[in-house]
Amino acid sequence: MSAITREDVARLGALARIHLTDGELDVLAGQLTAIVDAVAVVSSAVDDSTPATSHPIPLTNVFRPDTVTASLSRAEALSSAPADQDGQFRVPQILGEEP
């Protein structure tokens, strides 16, 4: 497998605008090499005959019919509101905004 060098890690850090110390470059180079090797091992276990397993159990959507029903009038909706103003729900100010 290919090893990731300190220079590769330094380049990635520069692209991500992350300052990395010399010690971090050494540690990350080893860790990223191990990650790339692990991904290569997993990738080698899969071939064209392996089914995708993002959802090992088949998913089925359950839909109900979309039927039009009667809805509340504005007066009925506002009748249980603690406060209303100009035909709308009135709620307490929470963000310090000007009224």
PDB file of N, CA and C in Angstrom:
ATOM      1  N   MET A   1       0.842  -1.173   0.000  1.00  0.00           N
ATOM      2  CA  MET A   1       0.000   0.000   0.000  1.00  0.00           C
ATOM      3  C   MET A   1       0.892   1.241   0.000  1.00  0.00           C
ATOM      4  N   SER A   2       0.333   2.349  -0.425  1.00  0.00           N
ATOM      5  CA  SER A   2       1.138   3.569  -0.517  1.00  0.00           C
ATOM      6  C   SER A   2       1.171   4.282   0.829  1.00  0.00           C
ATOM      7  N   ALA A   3       2.351   4.739   1.175  1.00  0.00           N
ATOM      8  CA  ALA A   3       2.513   5.468   2.430  1.00  0.00           C
ATOM      9  C   ALA A   3       2.275   6.948   2.186  1.00  0.00           C
ATOM     10  N   ILE A   4       1.641   7.581   3.135  1.00  0.00           N
ATOM     11  CA  ILE A   4       1.427   9.017   3.065  1.00  0.00           C
ATOM     12  C   ILE A   4       2.603   9.685   3.760  1.00  0.00           C
ATOM     13  N   THR A   5       3.241  10.601   3.077  1.00  0.00           N
ATOM     14  CA  THR A   5       4.445  11.235   3.605  1.00  0.00           C
ATOM     15  C   THR A   5       4.099  12.476   4.425  1.00  0.00           C
ATOM     16  N   ARG A   6       5.106  12.955   5.148  1.00  0.00           N
ATOM     17  CA  ARG A   6       4.937  14.191   5.914  1.00  0.00           C
ATOM     18  C   ARG A   6       4.575  15.337   4.973  1.00  0.00           C
ATOM     19  N   GLU A   7       5.158  15.327   3.774  1.00  0.00           N
ATOM     20  CA  GLU A   7       4.894  16.386   2.808  1.00  0.00           C
ATOM     21  C   GLU A   7       3.427  16.360   2.350  1.00  0.00           C
ATOM     22  N   ASP A   8       2.891  15.142   2.189  1.00  0.00           N
ATOM     23  CA  ASP A   8       1.471  15.013   1.827  1.00  0.00           C
ATOM     24  C   ASP A   8       0.590  15.611   2.918  1.00  0.00           C
ATOM     25  N   VAL A   9       0.908  15.285   4.165  1.00  0.00           N
ATOM     26  CA  VAL A   9       0.120  15.795   5.291  1.00  0.00           C
ATOM     27  C   VAL A   9       0.272  17.308   5.388  1.00  0.00           C
ATOM     28  N   ALA A  10       1.474  17.818   5.184  1.00  0.00           N
ATOM     29  CA  ALA A  10       1.693  19.264   5.227  1.00  0.00           C
ATOM     30  C   ALA A  10       0.877  19.958   4.138  1.00  0.00           C
ATOM     31  N   ARG A  11       0.833  19.364   2.959  1.00  0.00           N
ATOM     32  CA  ARG A  11       0.053  19.936   1.851  1.00  0.00           C
ATOM     33  C   ARG A  11      -1.438  19.932   2.190  1.00  0.00           C
ATOM     34  N   LEU A  12      -1.940  18.822   2.742  1.00  0.00           N
ATOM     35  CA  LEU A  12      -3.345  18.763   3.137  1.00  0.00           C
ATOM     36  C   LEU A  12      -3.652  19.784   4.227  1.00  0.00           C
ATOM     37  N   GLY A  13      -2.725  19.924   5.184  1.00  0.00           N
ATOM     38  CA  GLY A  13      -2.913  20.914   6.235  1.00  0.00           C
ATOM     39  C   GLY A  13      -2.963  22.323   5.679  1.00  0.00           C
ATOM     40  N   ALA A  14      -2.101  22.611   4.713  1.00  0.00           N
ATOM     41  CA  ALA A  14      -2.100  23.939   4.091  1.00  0.00           C
ATOM     42  C   ALA A  14      -3.403  24.188   3.338  1.00  0.00           C
ATOM     43  N   LEU A  15      -3.887  23.173   2.623  1.00  0.00           N
ATOM     44  CA  LEU A  15      -5.155  23.322   1.901  1.00  0.00           C
ATOM     45  C   LEU A  15      -6.316  23.568   2.854  1.00  0.00           C
ATOM     46  N   ALA A  16      -6.270  22.911   4.029  1.00  0.00           N
ATOM     47  CA  ALA A  16      -7.324  23.074   5.023  1.00  0.00           C
ATOM     48  C   ALA A  16      -7.077  24.270   5.935  1.00  0.00           C
ATOM     49  N   ARG A  17      -5.955  24.954   5.712  1.00  0.00           N
ATOM     50  CA  ARG A  17      -5.571  26.110   6.513  1.00  0.00           C
ATOM     51  C   ARG A  17      -5.430  25.744   7.991  1.00  0.00           C
ATOM     52  N   ILE A  18      -4.773  24.599   8.215  1.00  0.00           N
ATOM     53  CA  ILE A  18      -4.498  24.110   9.564  1.00  0.00           C
ATOM     54  C   ILE A  18      -2.989  24.113   9.760  1.00  0.00           C
ATOM     55  N   HIS A  19      -2.537  24.789  10.802  1.00  0.00           N
ATOM     56  CA  HIS A  19      -1.106  24.795  11.108  1.00  0.00           C
ATOM     57  C   HIS A  19      -0.776  23.510  11.866  1.00  0.00           C
ATOM     58  N   LEU A  20       0.167  22.749  11.360  1.00  0.00           N
ATOM     59  CA  LEU A  20       0.570  21.489  11.981  1.00  0.00           C
ATOM     60  C   LEU A  20       2.033  21.576  12.390  1.00  0.00           C
ATOM     61  N   THR A  21       2.317  21.097  13.596  1.00  0.00           N
ATOM     62  CA  THR A  21       3.704  21.066  14.066  1.00  0.00           C
ATOM     63  C   THR A  21       4.411  19.868  13.445  1.00  0.00           C
ATOM     64  N   ASP A  22       5.750  19.827  13.601  1.00  0.00           N
ATOM     65  CA  ASP A  22       6.512  18.698  13.066  1.00  0.00           C
ATOM     66  C   ASP A  22       6.065  17.385  13.693  1.00  0.00           C
ATOM     67  N   GLY A  23       5.789  17.399  14.984  1.00  0.00           N
ATOM     68  CA  GLY A  23       5.317  16.185  15.659  1.00  0.00           C
ATOM     69  C   GLY A  23       3.970  15.727  15.131  1.00  0.00           C
ATOM     70  N   GLU A  24       3.075  16.689  14.892  1.00  0.00           N
ATOM     71  CA  GLU A  24       1.757  16.345  14.358  1.00  0.00           C
ATOM     72  C   GLU A  24       1.869  15.793  12.943  1.00  0.00           C
ATOM     73  N   LEU A  25       2.791  16.337  12.155  1.00  0.00           N
ATOM     74  CA  LEU A  25       2.978  15.818  10.791  1.00  0.00           C
ATOM     75  C   LEU A  25       3.411  14.362  10.824  1.00  0.00           C
ATOM     76  N   ASP A  26       4.328  14.017  11.731  1.00  0.00           N
ATOM     77  CA  ASP A  26       4.797  12.630  11.837  1.00  0.00           C
ATOM     78  C   ASP A  26       3.668  11.699  12.265  1.00  0.00           C
ATOM     79  N   VAL A  27       2.923  12.104  13.296  1.00  0.00           N
ATOM     80  CA  VAL A  27       1.844  11.259  13.820  1.00  0.00           C
ATOM     81  C   VAL A  27       0.748  11.085  12.770  1.00  0.00           C
ATOM     82  N   LEU A  28       0.331  12.202  12.159  1.00  0.00           N
ATOM     83  CA  LEU A  28      -0.758  12.126  11.181  1.00  0.00           C
ATOM     84  C   LEU A  28      -0.369  11.345   9.937  1.00  0.00           C
ATOM     85  N   ALA A  29       0.882  11.429   9.525  1.00  0.00           N
ATOM     86  CA  ALA A  29       1.318  10.653   8.357  1.00  0.00           C
ATOM     87  C   ALA A  29       1.148   9.169   8.621  1.00  0.00           C
ATOM     88  N   GLY A  30       1.528   8.713   9.799  1.00  0.00           N
ATOM     89  CA  GLY A  30       1.360   7.299  10.144  1.00  0.00           C
ATOM     90  C   GLY A  30      -0.102   6.909  10.264  1.00  0.00           C
ATOM     91  N   GLN A  31      -0.891   7.758  10.909  1.00  0.00           N
ATOM     92  CA  GLN A  31      -2.310   7.447  11.085  1.00  0.00           C
ATOM     93  C   GLN A  31      -3.050   7.422   9.752  1.00  0.00           C
ATOM     94  N   LEU A  32      -2.776   8.391   8.882  1.00  0.00           N
ATOM     95  CA  LEU A  32      -3.454   8.418   7.587  1.00  0.00           C
ATOM     96  C   LEU A  32      -3.039   7.239   6.710  1.00  0.00           C
ATOM     97  N   THR A  33      -1.790   6.826   6.812  1.00  0.00           N
ATOM     98  CA  THR A  33      -1.354   5.638   6.073  1.00  0.00           C
ATOM     99  C   THR A  33      -2.124   4.412   6.559  1.00  0.00           C
ATOM    100  N   ALA A  34      -2.296   4.280   7.878  1.00  0.00           N
ATOM    101  CA  ALA A  34      -3.050   3.149   8.424  1.00  0.00           C
ATOM    102  C   ALA A  34      -4.502   3.182   7.968  1.00  0.00           C
ATOM    103  N   ILE A  35      -5.082   4.369   7.904  1.00  0.00           N
ATOM    104  CA  ILE A  35      -6.479   4.493   7.459  1.00  0.00           C
ATOM    105  C   ILE A  35      -6.610   4.102   5.995  1.00  0.00           C
ATOM    106  N   VAL A  36      -5.702   4.588   5.153  1.00  0.00           N
ATOM    107  CA  VAL A  36      -5.749   4.253   3.719  1.00  0.00           C
ATOM    108  C   VAL A  36      -5.559   2.751   3.522  1.00  0.00           C
ATOM    109  N   ASP A  37      -4.660   2.139   4.284  1.00  0.00           N
ATOM    110  CA  ASP A  37      -4.452   0.689   4.189  1.00  0.00           C
ATOM    111  C   ASP A  37      -5.699  -0.074   4.609  1.00  0.00           C
ATOM    112  N   ALA A  38      -6.368   0.367   5.678  1.00  0.00           N
ATOM    113  CA  ALA A  38      -7.585  -0.305   6.140  1.00  0.00           C
ATOM    114  C   ALA A  38      -8.696  -0.191   5.102  1.00  0.00           C
ATOM    115  N   VAL A  39      -8.835   0.958   4.489  1.00  0.00           N
ATOM    116  CA  VAL A  39      -9.849   1.130   3.449  1.00  0.00           C
ATOM    117  C   VAL A  39      -9.537   0.236   2.247  1.00  0.00           C
ATOM    118  N   ALA A  40      -8.277   0.090   1.920  1.00  0.00           N
ATOM    119  CA  ALA A  40      -7.886  -0.772   0.800  1.00  0.00           C
ATOM    120  C   ALA A  40      -8.238  -2.227   1.090  1.00  0.00           C
ATOM    121  N   VAL A  41      -8.051  -2.659   2.335  1.00  0.00           N
ATOM    122  CA  VAL A  41      -8.394  -4.037   2.702  1.00  0.00           C
ATOM    123  C   VAL A  41      -9.889  -4.255   2.563  1.00  0.00           C
ATOM    124  N   VAL A  42     -10.678  -3.324   3.055  1.00  0.00           N
ATOM    125  CA  VAL A  42     -12.139  -3.451   2.960  1.00  0.00           C
ATOM    126  C   VAL A  42     -12.568  -3.414   1.496  1.00  0.00           C
ATOM    127  N   SER A  43     -11.986  -2.520   0.720  1.00  0.00           N
ATOM    128  CA  SER A  43     -12.345  -2.416  -0.694  1.00  0.00           C
ATOM    129  C   SER A  43     -12.008  -3.687  -1.465  1.00  0.00           C
ATOM    130  N   SER A  44     -10.937  -4.364  -1.072  1.00  0.00           N
ATOM    131  CA  SER A  44     -10.561  -5.585  -1.793  1.00  0.00           C
ATOM    132  C   SER A  44     -11.531  -6.737  -1.515  1.00  0.00           C
ATOM    133  N   ALA A  45     -12.302  -6.647  -0.452  1.00  0.00           N
ATOM    134  CA  ALA A  45     -13.246  -7.714  -0.119  1.00  0.00           C
ATOM    135  C   ALA A  45     -14.517  -7.625  -0.955  1.00  0.00           C
ATOM    136  N   VAL A  46     -14.718  -6.519  -1.639  1.00  0.00           N
ATOM    137  CA  VAL A  46     -15.940  -6.295  -2.409  1.00  0.00           C
ATOM    138  C   VAL A  46     -15.638  -6.464  -3.888  1.00  0.00           C
ATOM    139  N   ASP A  47     -16.522  -7.207  -4.566  1.00  0.00           N
ATOM    140  CA  ASP A  47     -16.405  -7.319  -6.015  1.00  0.00           C
ATOM    141  C   ASP A  47     -17.775  -7.057  -6.630  1.00  0.00           C
ATOM    142  N   ASP A  48     -17.896  -7.260  -7.923  1.00  0.00           N
ATOM    143  CA  ASP A  48     -19.151  -6.947  -8.614  1.00  0.00           C
ATOM    144  C   ASP A  48     -20.321  -7.807  -8.161  1.00  0.00           C
ATOM    145  N   SER A  49     -20.058  -8.970  -7.576  1.00  0.00           N
ATOM    146  CA  SER A  49     -21.151  -9.841  -7.151  1.00  0.00           C
ATOM    147  C   SER A  49     -21.640  -9.511  -5.741  1.00  0.00           C
ATOM    148  N   THR A  50     -20.971  -8.610  -5.038  1.00  0.00           N
ATOM    149  CA  THR A  50     -21.375  -8.250  -3.679  1.00  0.00           C
ATOM    150  C   THR A  50     -22.504  -7.229  -3.743  1.00  0.00           C
ATOM    151  N   PRO A  51     -23.673  -7.547  -3.143  1.00  0.00           N
ATOM    152  CA  PRO A  51     -24.784  -6.590  -3.191  1.00  0.00           C
ATOM    153  C   PRO A  51     -24.516  -5.402  -2.259  1.00  0.00           C
ATOM    154  N   ALA A  52     -25.042  -4.262  -2.626  1.00  0.00           N
ATOM    155  CA  ALA A  52     -24.918  -3.073  -1.785  1.00  0.00           C
ATOM    156  C   ALA A  52     -25.682  -3.296  -0.483  1.00  0.00           C
ATOM    157  N   THR A  53     -25.123  -2.833   0.609  1.00  0.00           N
ATOM    158  CA  THR A  53     -25.768  -3.071   1.909  1.00  0.00           C
ATOM    159  C   THR A  53     -26.028  -1.780   2.669  1.00  0.00           C
ATOM    160  N   SER A  54     -26.332  -0.706   1.972  1.00  0.00           N
ATOM    161  CA  SER A  54     -26.655   0.526   2.678  1.00  0.00           C
ATOM    162  C   SER A  54     -27.920   0.327   3.502  1.00  0.00           C
ATOM    163  N   HIS A  55     -28.828  -0.534   3.023  1.00  0.00           N
ATOM    164  CA  HIS A  55     -30.036  -0.900   3.762  1.00  0.00           C
ATOM    165  C   HIS A  55     -30.190  -2.417   3.662  1.00  0.00           C
ATOM    166  N   PRO A  56     -29.663  -3.160   4.624  1.00  0.00           N
ATOM    167  CA  PRO A  56     -29.730  -4.618   4.520  1.00  0.00           C
ATOM    168  C   PRO A  56     -31.155  -5.160   4.591  1.00  0.00           C
ATOM    169  N   ILE A  57     -32.063  -4.393   5.172  1.00  0.00           N
ATOM    170  CA  ILE A  57     -33.468  -4.799   5.226  1.00  0.00           C
ATOM    171  C   ILE A  57     -34.215  -3.938   4.217  1.00  0.00           C
ATOM    172  N   PRO A  58     -34.972  -4.527   3.313  1.00  0.00           N
ATOM    173  CA  PRO A  58     -35.676  -3.725   2.304  1.00  0.00           C
ATOM    174  C   PRO A  58     -36.608  -2.701   2.955  1.00  0.00           C
ATOM    175  N   LEU A  59     -36.594  -1.481   2.406  1.00  0.00           N
ATOM    176  CA  LEU A  59     -37.446  -0.416   2.913  1.00  0.00           C
ATOM    177  C   LEU A  59     -38.662  -0.267   2.022  1.00  0.00           C
ATOM    178  N   THR A  60     -39.818  -0.030   2.636  1.00  0.00           N
ATOM    179  CA  THR A  60     -41.048   0.189   1.897  1.00  0.00           C
ATOM    180  C   THR A  60     -41.745   1.402   2.484  1.00  0.00           C
ATOM    181  N   ASN A  61     -42.074   2.362   1.640  1.00  0.00           N
ATOM    182  CA  ASN A  61     -42.832   3.519   2.106  1.00  0.00           C
ATOM    183  C   ASN A  61     -44.297   3.149   2.235  1.00  0.00           C
ATOM    184  N   VAL A  62     -44.917   3.654   3.266  1.00  0.00           N
ATOM    185  CA  VAL A  62     -46.344   3.434   3.466  1.00  0.00           C
ATOM    186  C   VAL A  62     -47.030   4.777   3.256  1.00  0.00           C
ATOM    187  N   PHE A  63     -47.849   4.844   2.243  1.00  0.00           N
ATOM    188  CA  PHE A  63     -48.540   6.078   1.924  1.00  0.00           C
ATOM    189  C   PHE A  63     -50.015   5.947   2.267  1.00  0.00           C
ATOM    190  N   ARG A  64     -50.593   7.040   2.688  1.00  0.00           N
ATOM    191  CA  ARG A  64     -52.034   7.076   2.884  1.00  0.00           C
ATOM    192  C   ARG A  64     -52.629   7.952   1.797  1.00  0.00           C
ATOM    193  N   PRO A  65     -53.884   7.770   1.486  1.00  0.00           N
ATOM    194  CA  PRO A  65     -54.473   8.604   0.441  1.00  0.00           C
ATOM    195  C   PRO A  65     -54.521  10.073   0.889  1.00  0.00           C
ATOM    196  N   ASP A  66     -54.275  10.958  -0.039  1.00  0.00           N
ATOM    197  CA  ASP A  66     -54.320  12.384   0.232  1.00  0.00           C
ATOM    198  C   ASP A  66     -55.738  12.867  -0.040  1.00  0.00           C
ATOM    199  N   THR A  67     -56.502  13.033   1.020  1.00  0.00           N
ATOM    200  CA  THR A  67     -57.899  13.437   0.864  1.00  0.00           C
ATOM    201  C   THR A  67     -58.106  14.818   1.478  1.00  0.00           C
ATOM    202  N   VAL A  68     -58.932  15.594   0.834  1.00  0.00           N
ATOM    203  CA  VAL A  68     -59.253  16.935   1.313  1.00  0.00           C
ATOM    204  C   VAL A  68     -60.312  16.811   2.399  1.00  0.00           C
ATOM    205  N   THR A  69     -60.047  17.457   3.525  1.00  0.00           N
ATOM    206  CA  THR A  69     -61.013  17.474   4.625  1.00  0.00           C
ATOM    207  C   THR A  69     -61.239  18.912   5.049  1.00  0.00           C
ATOM    208  N   ALA A  70     -62.260  19.114   5.828  1.00  0.00           N
ATOM    209  CA  ALA A  70     -62.576  20.455   6.316  1.00  0.00           C
ATOM    210  C   ALA A  70     -61.491  20.905   7.288  1.00  0.00           C
ATOM    211  N   SER A  71     -61.150  22.175   7.236  1.00  0.00           N
ATOM    212  CA  SER A  71     -60.145  22.708   8.147  1.00  0.00           C
ATOM    213  C   SER A  71     -60.774  23.764   9.038  1.00  0.00           C
ATOM    214  N   LEU A  72     -60.022  24.197  10.032  1.00  0.00           N
ATOM    215  CA  LEU A  72     -60.524  25.208  10.949  1.00  0.00           C
ATOM    216  C   LEU A  72     -60.590  26.565  10.266  1.00  0.00           C
ATOM    217  N   SER A  73     -61.571  27.330  10.647  1.00  0.00           N
ATOM    218  CA  SER A  73     -61.613  28.709  10.184  1.00  0.00           C
ATOM    219  C   SER A  73     -60.605  29.513  11.008  1.00  0.00           C
ATOM    220  N   ARG A  74     -60.300  30.709  10.583  1.00  0.00           N
ATOM    221  CA  ARG A  74     -59.355  31.542  11.323  1.00  0.00           C
ATOM    222  C   ARG A  74     -59.873  31.802  12.739  1.00  0.00           C
ATOM    223  N   ALA A  75     -61.139  32.074  12.880  1.00  0.00           N
ATOM    224  CA  ALA A  75     -61.721  32.345  14.202  1.00  0.00           C
ATOM    225  C   ALA A  75     -61.621  31.112  15.099  1.00  0.00           C
ATOM    226  N   GLU A  76     -61.869  29.928  14.535  1.00  0.00           N
ATOM    227  CA  GLU A  76     -61.763  28.702  15.330  1.00  0.00           C
ATOM    228  C   GLU A  76     -60.321  28.436  15.763  1.00  0.00           C
ATOM    229  N   ALA A  77     -59.382  28.679  14.877  1.00  0.00           N
ATOM    230  CA  ALA A  77     -57.978  28.458  15.213  1.00  0.00           C
ATOM    231  C   ALA A  77     -57.515  29.429  16.291  1.00  0.00           C
ATOM    232  N   LEU A  78     -57.942  30.678  16.207  1.00  0.00           N
ATOM    233  CA  LEU A  78     -57.520  31.684  17.183  1.00  0.00           C
ATOM    234  C   LEU A  78     -58.294  31.612  18.494  1.00  0.00           C
ATOM    235  N   SER A  79     -59.389  30.851  18.512  1.00  0.00           N
ATOM    236  CA  SER A  79     -60.220  30.802  19.724  1.00  0.00           C
ATOM    237  C   SER A  79     -59.492  30.179  20.915  1.00  0.00           C
ATOM    238  N   SER A  80     -58.551  29.297  20.688  1.00  0.00           N
ATOM    239  CA  SER A  80     -57.827  28.673  21.802  1.00  0.00           C
ATOM    240  C   SER A  80     -56.452  29.288  22.022  1.00  0.00           C
ATOM    241  N   ALA A  81     -56.108  30.329  21.267  1.00  0.00           N
ATOM    242  CA  ALA A  81     -54.808  30.982  21.428  1.00  0.00           C
ATOM    243  C   ALA A  81     -54.823  31.872  22.668  1.00  0.00           C
ATOM    244  N   PRO A  82     -53.714  31.930  23.401  1.00  0.00           N
ATOM    245  CA  PRO A  82     -53.669  32.808  24.578  1.00  0.00           C
ATOM    246  C   PRO A  82     -53.838  34.285  24.207  1.00  0.00           C
ATOM    247  N   ALA A  83     -53.352  34.660  23.015  1.00  0.00           N
ATOM    248  CA  ALA A  83     -53.498  36.047  22.563  1.00  0.00           C
ATOM    249  C   ALA A  83     -53.464  36.077  21.044  1.00  0.00           C
ATOM    250  N   ASP A  84     -54.206  37.033  20.479  1.00  0.00           N
ATOM    251  CA  ASP A  84     -54.163  37.217  19.028  1.00  0.00           C
ATOM    252  C   ASP A  84     -54.195  38.701  18.730  1.00  0.00           C
ATOM    253  N   GLN A  85     -53.733  39.044  17.534  1.00  0.00           N
ATOM    254  CA  GLN A  85     -53.708  40.440  17.113  1.00  0.00           C
ATOM    255  C   GLN A  85     -53.827  40.481  15.608  1.00  0.00           C
ATOM    256  N   ASP A  86     -54.746  41.248  15.106  1.00  0.00           N
ATOM    257  CA  ASP A  86     -54.963  41.421  13.664  1.00  0.00           C
ATOM    258  C   ASP A  86     -55.143  40.085  12.945  1.00  0.00           C
ATOM    259  N   GLY A  87     -55.882  39.148  13.559  1.00  0.00           N
ATOM    260  CA  GLY A  87     -56.159  37.867  12.932  1.00  0.00           C
ATOM    261  C   GLY A  87     -54.991  36.907  12.913  1.00  0.00           C
ATOM    262  N   GLN A  88     -53.960  37.153  13.741  1.00  0.00           N
ATOM    263  CA  GLN A  88     -52.796  36.285  13.812  1.00  0.00           C
ATOM    264  C   GLN A  88     -52.513  35.933  15.263  1.00  0.00           C
ATOM    265  N   PHE A  89     -51.771  34.832  15.470  1.00  0.00           N
ATOM    266  CA  PHE A  89     -51.350  34.469  16.818  1.00  0.00           C
ATOM    267  C   PHE A  89     -50.374  35.520  17.334  1.00  0.00           C
ATOM    268  N   ARG A  90     -50.555  35.960  18.567  1.00  0.00           N
ATOM    269  CA  ARG A  90     -49.610  36.898  19.181  1.00  0.00           C
ATOM    270  C   ARG A  90     -48.751  36.091  20.146  1.00  0.00           C
ATOM    271  N   VAL A  91     -47.441  36.220  19.984  1.00  0.00           N
ATOM    272  CA  VAL A  91     -46.507  35.476  20.830  1.00  0.00           C
ATOM    273  C   VAL A  91     -45.583  36.462  21.514  1.00  0.00           C
ATOM    274  N   PRO A  92     -44.997  36.055  22.652  1.00  0.00           N
ATOM    275  CA  PRO A  92     -44.099  36.969  23.345  1.00  0.00           C
ATOM    276  C   PRO A  92     -42.823  37.218  22.543  1.00  0.00           C
ATOM    277  N   GLN A  93     -42.288  38.404  22.697  1.00  0.00           N
ATOM    278  CA  GLN A  93     -41.037  38.772  22.044  1.00  0.00           C
ATOM    279  C   GLN A  93     -39.910  38.027  22.742  1.00  0.00           C
ATOM    280  N   ILE A  94     -39.005  37.386  21.970  1.00  0.00           N
ATOM    281  CA  ILE A  94     -37.955  36.593  22.585  1.00  0.00           C
ATOM    282  C   ILE A  94     -36.547  37.032  22.194  1.00  0.00           C
ATOM    283  N   LEU A  95     -36.392  37.758  21.135  1.00  0.00           N
ATOM    284  CA  LEU A  95     -35.045  38.083  20.654  1.00  0.00           C
ATOM    285  C   LEU A  95     -34.683  39.555  20.810  1.00  0.00           C
ATOM    286  N   GLY A  96     -35.471  40.304  21.540  1.00  0.00           N
ATOM    287  CA  GLY A  96     -35.156  41.697  21.734  1.00  0.00           C
ATOM    288  C   GLY A  96     -35.359  42.537  20.486  1.00  0.00           C
ATOM    289  N   GLU A  97     -36.209  42.105  19.602  1.00  0.00           N
ATOM    290  CA  GLU A  97     -36.464  42.835  18.382  1.00  0.00           C
ATOM    291  C   GLU A  97     -37.396  44.010  18.653  1.00  0.00           C
ATOM    292  N   GLU A  98     -37.287  45.005  17.829  1.00  0.00           N
ATOM    293  CA  GLU A  98     -38.191  46.150  17.925  1.00  0.00           C
ATOM    294  C   GLU A  98     -39.568  45.722  17.438  1.00  0.00           C
ATOM    295  N   PRO A  99     -40.624  46.135  18.126  1.00  0.00           N
ATOM    296  CA  PRO A  99     -41.982  45.757  17.662  1.00  0.00           C
ATOM    297  C   PRO A  99     -42.369  46.444  16.371  1.00  0.00           C
TER     298      PRO A  99
END
